[in-house]
Amino acid sequence: MTRSQGCARLPSESEGRRMATIRGIATAMNALKPEMKKAYKKRVTSLFDQMVNDLGKNLRGVYNSYRWARTFTGTVRPSVRSYNPTMMLNDPDAYHYIDKALLSKNADRYASSVVDGWKAKVESKLVELDKAEVKYFKGGTFLITGTRKGDRISIEQQIITNVSSKGTLFNQFPARIYVNGKFVSEKKYKEIYR
């Protein structure tokens, strides 16, 4: 089979190291998924409990609430079911509850999207990093170390969970990059290693 017929090329040595590094990071992040799922469930449950406290068990007026409409729609609603025994509008016996199966499914989806997003973010910083090691510290902080063109590289990466103005959970991945022990901005880092 010739190259034009679809023969795959073998990765170069540096590409092989990079792929191994990325696999190591993905493994480290996948190990963090249970913690992310737990945090997601805790956050959604807490938000739901606050809504019930403010609006009552039937969440009356949630879609008109300045405080809760976006958060309910963007974060809480996908994990909530409602129960209305009479099927009548504004039934006082109607209520909302968290569906554990839906919450678990949404937590899985959330954790996977965080891992994929973080992996892509770190991948852009790890181009050609040799002998990379990833260490996880409790609280969503990672330390990635390695060498690049003879320089010692350290990347302190954090994972921060926030809620957008539209009520959707999202993550930020701030990082501090050190070259031979000195802090450099991401822009400067990219300039140094073009």
Protein backbone atom coordinates (compact mmCIF):
# COMPACT_ATOMS: atom_id res chain seq x y z
CA MET A 1 0.00 0.00 0.00
CA THR A 2 1.42 3.38 -0.93
CA ARG A 3 1.16 6.59 1.08
CA SER A 4 -1.44 7.95 -1.37
CA GLN A 5 -3.64 4.92 -0.70
CA GLY A 6 -4.02 5.86 2.97
CA CYS A 7 -0.99 4.28 4.59
CA ALA A 8 -0.56 5.84 8.04
CA ARG A 9 2.78 7.39 8.86
CA LEU A 10 4.50 6.52 12.09
CA PRO A 11 4.86 9.32 14.64
CA SER A 12 8.29 10.88 15.08
CA GLU A 13 10.14 10.40 18.36
CA SER A 14 9.09 13.83 19.67
CA GLU A 15 5.47 13.23 18.62
CA GLY A 16 5.60 9.88 20.40
CA ARG A 17 6.86 11.55 23.60
CA ARG A 18 4.19 14.23 23.30
CA MET A 19 1.44 11.63 22.81
CA ALA A 20 2.74 9.71 25.85
CA THR A 21 2.69 12.93 27.88
CA ILE A 22 -0.86 13.71 26.78
CA ARG A 23 -1.93 10.16 27.67
CA GLY A 24 -0.35 10.63 31.11
CA ILE A 25 -2.22 13.88 31.62
CA ALA A 26 -5.47 12.33 30.46
CA THR A 27 -4.92 9.46 32.91
CA ALA A 28 -4.31 11.94 35.74
CA MET A 29 -7.41 13.91 34.80
CA ASN A 30 -9.56 10.79 34.44
CA ALA A 31 -8.54 9.86 37.98
CA LEU A 32 -10.02 13.20 39.04
CA LYS A 33 -13.42 12.55 37.41
CA PRO A 34 -15.05 11.07 40.56
CA GLU A 35 -14.13 14.21 42.51
CA MET A 36 -15.51 16.43 39.72
CA LYS A 37 -18.74 14.43 39.62
CA LYS A 38 -19.12 14.74 43.38
CA ALA A 39 -18.51 18.51 43.23
CA TYR A 40 -21.06 18.88 40.40
CA LYS A 41 -23.71 16.94 42.31
CA LYS A 42 -23.03 18.95 45.45
CA ARG A 43 -23.27 22.25 43.56
CA VAL A 44 -26.53 21.37 41.77
CA THR A 45 -28.08 20.02 44.97
CA SER A 46 -27.05 23.13 46.89
CA LEU A 47 -28.51 25.43 44.23
CA PHE A 48 -31.74 23.41 44.15
CA ASP A 49 -32.04 23.53 47.95
CA GLN A 50 -31.57 27.31 47.91
CA MET A 51 -34.27 27.62 45.24
CA VAL A 52 -36.70 25.49 47.25
CA ASN A 53 -35.90 27.59 50.32
CA ASP A 54 -36.63 30.82 48.42
CA LEU A 55 -39.53 29.72 46.19
CA GLY A 56 -41.10 26.71 47.89
CA LYS A 57 -41.18 23.04 46.93
CA ASN A 58 -43.07 23.73 43.70
CA LEU A 59 -40.53 26.42 42.68
CA ARG A 60 -43.35 28.81 41.88
CA GLY A 61 -42.09 31.72 39.78
CA VAL A 62 -38.65 30.23 39.13
CA TYR A 63 -38.74 31.27 35.46
CA ASN A 64 -39.66 34.84 36.41
CA SER A 65 -37.17 35.09 39.26
CA TYR A 66 -34.33 37.51 38.62
CA ARG A 67 -32.16 35.53 41.01
CA TRP A 68 -32.95 31.99 39.85
CA ALA A 69 -34.31 31.84 36.28
CA ARG A 70 -30.98 31.45 34.48
CA THR A 71 -29.42 29.19 37.09
CA PHE A 72 -32.45 26.92 37.06
CA THR A 73 -32.57 26.72 33.28
CA GLY A 74 -28.81 26.39 32.71
CA THR A 75 -27.68 24.22 35.60
CA VAL A 76 -30.42 22.77 37.78
CA ARG A 77 -33.30 21.96 35.39
CA PRO A 78 -31.50 19.16 33.51
CA SER A 79 -31.33 17.18 36.79
CA VAL A 80 -34.83 17.94 38.11
CA ARG A 81 -38.21 16.27 37.64
CA SER A 82 -41.58 17.54 38.74
CA TYR A 83 -44.47 15.74 40.35
CA ASN A 84 -48.03 17.01 40.01
CA PRO A 85 -50.67 14.55 41.29
CA THR A 86 -53.67 16.40 39.85
CA MET A 87 -51.98 17.73 36.70
CA MET A 88 -53.60 21.08 37.43
CA LEU A 89 -51.74 24.32 36.95
CA ASN A 90 -50.59 25.84 40.25
CA ASP A 91 -51.50 22.73 42.24
CA PRO A 92 -50.26 23.34 45.80
CA ASP A 93 -49.29 19.68 46.12
CA ALA A 94 -47.02 19.77 43.08
CA TYR A 95 -43.30 19.79 43.71
CA HIS A 96 -39.91 19.46 42.04
CA TYR A 97 -37.23 17.01 43.07
CA ILE A 98 -33.73 16.05 42.00
CA ASP A 99 -33.71 12.87 39.95
CA LYS A 100 -30.62 10.97 41.13
CA ALA A 101 -30.21 9.13 37.81
CA LEU A 102 -30.39 12.37 35.79
CA LEU A 103 -28.03 14.10 38.21
CA SER A 104 -25.52 11.26 37.89
CA LYS A 105 -25.77 11.28 34.07
CA ASN A 106 -25.28 15.06 33.96
CA ALA A 107 -22.36 14.83 36.40
CA ASP A 108 -20.70 12.24 34.12
CA ARG A 109 -21.22 14.47 31.09
CA TYR A 110 -19.88 17.49 32.98
CA ALA A 111 -16.75 15.67 34.23
CA SER A 112 -15.99 14.38 30.72
CA SER A 113 -16.32 17.85 29.20
CA VAL A 114 -14.01 19.30 31.86
CA VAL A 115 -11.38 16.62 31.18
CA ASP A 116 -11.57 17.22 27.42
CA GLY A 117 -11.40 21.00 27.82
CA TRP A 118 -8.49 20.88 30.25
CA LYS A 119 -6.63 18.36 28.14
CA ALA A 120 -6.90 20.63 25.08
CA LYS A 121 -5.74 23.61 27.13
CA VAL A 122 -2.69 21.78 28.49
CA GLU A 123 -1.89 20.18 25.14
CA SER A 124 -1.23 23.62 23.69
CA LYS A 125 1.32 24.29 26.44
CA LEU A 126 3.06 20.92 26.24
CA VAL A 127 4.21 20.97 22.65
CA GLU A 128 7.60 19.23 22.61
CA LEU A 129 7.88 18.92 26.42
CA ASP A 130 10.25 16.06 27.26
CA LYS A 131 10.20 13.89 30.37
CA ALA A 132 6.89 15.36 31.45
CA GLU A 133 5.44 14.39 34.81
CA VAL A 134 2.03 15.29 36.15
CA LYS A 135 1.30 15.56 39.87
CA TYR A 136 -2.15 16.23 41.26
CA PHE A 137 -2.66 18.15 44.48
CA LYS A 138 -6.04 18.13 46.20
CA GLY A 139 -8.27 21.03 45.29
CA GLY A 140 -7.93 20.91 41.51
CA THR A 141 -4.28 21.93 41.21
CA PHE A 142 -1.80 20.15 38.96
CA LEU A 143 1.94 20.54 38.62
CA ILE A 144 3.32 19.57 35.24
CA THR A 145 7.11 19.42 34.97
CA GLY A 146 9.46 18.57 32.15
CA THR A 147 12.20 19.93 29.93
CA ARG A 148 12.15 21.74 26.64
CA LYS A 149 15.28 22.52 24.64
CA GLY A 150 17.33 22.02 27.80
CA ASP A 151 15.21 24.37 29.93
CA ARG A 152 13.37 23.19 33.03
CA ILE A 153 9.63 23.87 32.61
CA SER A 154 7.02 23.87 35.39
CA ILE A 155 3.35 24.59 34.83
CA GLU A 156 1.07 25.10 37.81
CA GLN A 157 -2.42 24.51 36.48
CA GLN A 158 -5.64 25.03 38.41
CA ILE A 159 -9.20 24.04 37.65
CA ILE A 160 -11.75 26.55 38.91
CA THR A 161 -15.50 26.01 38.64
CA ASN A 162 -17.72 29.07 38.20
CA VAL A 163 -21.30 29.83 37.28
CA SER A 164 -21.87 32.09 34.28
CA SER A 165 -24.32 34.99 34.25
CA LYS A 166 -26.63 32.63 32.36
CA GLY A 167 -26.51 30.13 35.23
CA THR A 168 -24.34 27.54 33.51
CA LEU A 169 -21.46 25.83 35.30
CA PHE A 170 -18.15 26.30 33.50
CA ASN A 171 -14.46 25.89 34.21
CA GLN A 172 -11.46 28.15 33.99
CA PHE A 173 -7.92 26.82 33.75
CA PRO A 174 -5.50 29.50 34.96
CA ALA A 175 -1.86 28.50 34.73
CA ARG A 176 1.47 29.85 35.86
CA ILE A 177 4.41 28.82 33.68
CA TYR A 178 7.97 28.80 34.97
CA VAL A 179 11.06 28.44 32.80
CA ASN A 180 14.16 27.58 34.84
CA GLY A 181 12.35 28.74 37.97
CA LYS A 182 11.27 32.14 36.59
CA PHE A 183 7.66 33.02 35.85
CA VAL A 184 6.84 33.77 32.20
CA SER A 185 3.49 34.65 30.65
CA GLU A 186 1.88 32.21 28.25
CA LYS A 187 2.49 34.66 25.40
CA LYS A 188 6.20 34.95 26.27
CA TYR A 189 6.45 31.16 26.61
CA LYS A 190 5.08 30.72 23.09
CA GLU A 191 7.53 33.34 21.77
CA ILE A 192 10.52 31.62 23.40
CA TYR A 193 9.69 28.21 21.94
CA ARG A 194 8.45 28.94 18.43
